[in-house]
Protein backbone atom coordinates (compact mmCIF):
# COMPACT_ATOMS: atom_id res chain seq x y z
CA MET A 1 -96.35 72.02 6.21
CA VAL A 2 -99.64 71.22 7.89
CA VAL A 3 -100.09 72.91 11.24
CA ASN A 4 -102.52 71.57 13.81
CA ALA A 5 -104.03 74.39 15.88
CA PHE A 6 -104.95 71.98 18.69
CA THR A 7 -101.33 70.82 19.03
CA LEU A 8 -100.07 74.40 19.05
CA GLN A 9 -102.67 75.35 21.65
CA ARG A 10 -100.93 73.03 24.12
CA LYS A 11 -97.66 74.82 23.45
CA TYR A 12 -99.27 78.27 23.80
CA PRO A 13 -102.06 77.79 26.37
CA GLN A 14 -102.96 81.48 26.51
CA LEU A 15 -104.07 81.30 22.88
CA GLN A 16 -107.40 79.81 21.93
CA VAL A 17 -107.61 77.47 18.94
CA ASN A 18 -109.54 80.17 17.07
CA ASP A 19 -106.71 82.66 17.76
CA ILE A 20 -104.16 80.19 16.42
CA ASN A 21 -106.24 79.61 13.30
CA ASN A 22 -106.41 83.40 12.81
CA LEU A 23 -102.61 83.62 13.11
CA ILE A 24 -102.23 80.81 10.58
CA ASP A 25 -104.52 82.75 8.21
CA GLN A 26 -102.43 85.91 8.74
CA PHE A 27 -99.26 83.95 8.03
CA ASN A 28 -100.74 82.62 4.79
CA GLU A 29 -101.72 86.14 3.69
CA ILE A 30 -98.19 87.43 4.33
CA ASP A 31 -96.57 84.42 2.62
CA LEU A 32 -96.89 85.91 -0.86
CA ASP A 33 -95.00 83.16 -2.68
CA GLN A 34 -96.79 80.45 -0.66
CA ASP A 35 -93.55 78.57 0.06
CA GLY A 36 -94.45 78.02 3.72
CA TYR A 37 -91.93 80.55 4.99
CA LEU A 38 -91.82 84.30 5.52
CA ASP A 39 -88.71 85.98 4.20
CA HIS A 40 -87.40 89.47 4.88
CA ASN A 41 -89.28 91.05 1.95
CA GLU A 42 -92.62 89.51 2.90
CA ILE A 43 -92.25 90.58 6.53
CA ARG A 44 -91.11 94.06 5.54
CA LYS A 45 -94.13 94.51 3.25
CA ALA A 46 -96.51 93.28 5.97
CA CYS A 47 -94.95 95.64 8.53
CA LYS A 48 -95.20 98.58 6.15
CA ASP A 49 -98.81 97.73 5.21
CA THR A 50 -99.87 97.57 8.87
CA GLY A 51 -98.00 100.63 10.10
CA TYR A 52 -95.23 98.82 11.98
CA SER A 53 -91.56 99.63 11.52
CA ASP A 54 -90.18 98.18 8.30
CA ASN A 55 -86.60 98.92 9.36
CA TYR A 56 -84.29 96.44 7.65
CA ASP A 57 -82.00 95.93 10.64
CA GLU A 58 -84.89 95.35 13.08
CA ILE A 59 -86.51 92.79 10.79
CA ARG A 60 -83.18 91.07 10.15
CA ALA A 61 -82.50 90.85 13.90
CA THR A 62 -85.96 89.40 14.53
CA LEU A 63 -85.50 86.81 11.79
CA LYS A 64 -82.11 85.84 13.20
CA ASP A 65 -83.53 85.50 16.73
CA VAL A 66 -86.57 83.46 15.71
CA SER A 67 -85.58 81.39 12.71
CA THR A 68 -84.53 77.87 13.66
CA ASN A 69 -85.38 75.97 10.48
CA THR A 70 -84.22 78.05 7.53
CA VAL A 71 -81.71 80.88 7.58
CA GLY A 72 -83.45 84.19 7.05
CA LYS A 73 -86.96 82.77 6.96
CA ILE A 74 -89.56 81.82 9.55
CA ASP A 75 -92.22 79.14 9.32
CA VAL A 76 -95.76 79.32 10.65
CA GLU A 77 -94.88 77.93 14.09
CA GLU A 78 -92.11 80.49 14.51
CA PHE A 79 -94.53 83.21 13.39
CA ILE A 80 -97.04 82.12 16.04
CA GLU A 81 -94.27 82.15 18.65
CA VAL A 82 -93.33 85.73 17.74
CA MET A 83 -96.96 86.82 17.88
CA TYR A 84 -97.53 84.94 21.16
CA TYR A 85 -94.67 86.68 22.93
CA ARG A 86 -95.55 90.04 21.39
CA ALA A 87 -99.06 89.93 22.86
């Protein structure tokens, strides 16, 4: 899935294109199997590596709330949305 930072910038006007590109890079680093989605294990590892809670139930609830495309996984646009509202 090709993501255009300029298109996403219109959806998230508080983010600069450079910020969106940085989030895309972060997503790609977390996406260990490079399938274009983050699953529970990839998110849990990233949380643990960065000092955030890697609680299974919290991650599962977040995935359920955010995932619209694939059950139990989030794509790069959903990742940016989570990060946008977290900021």
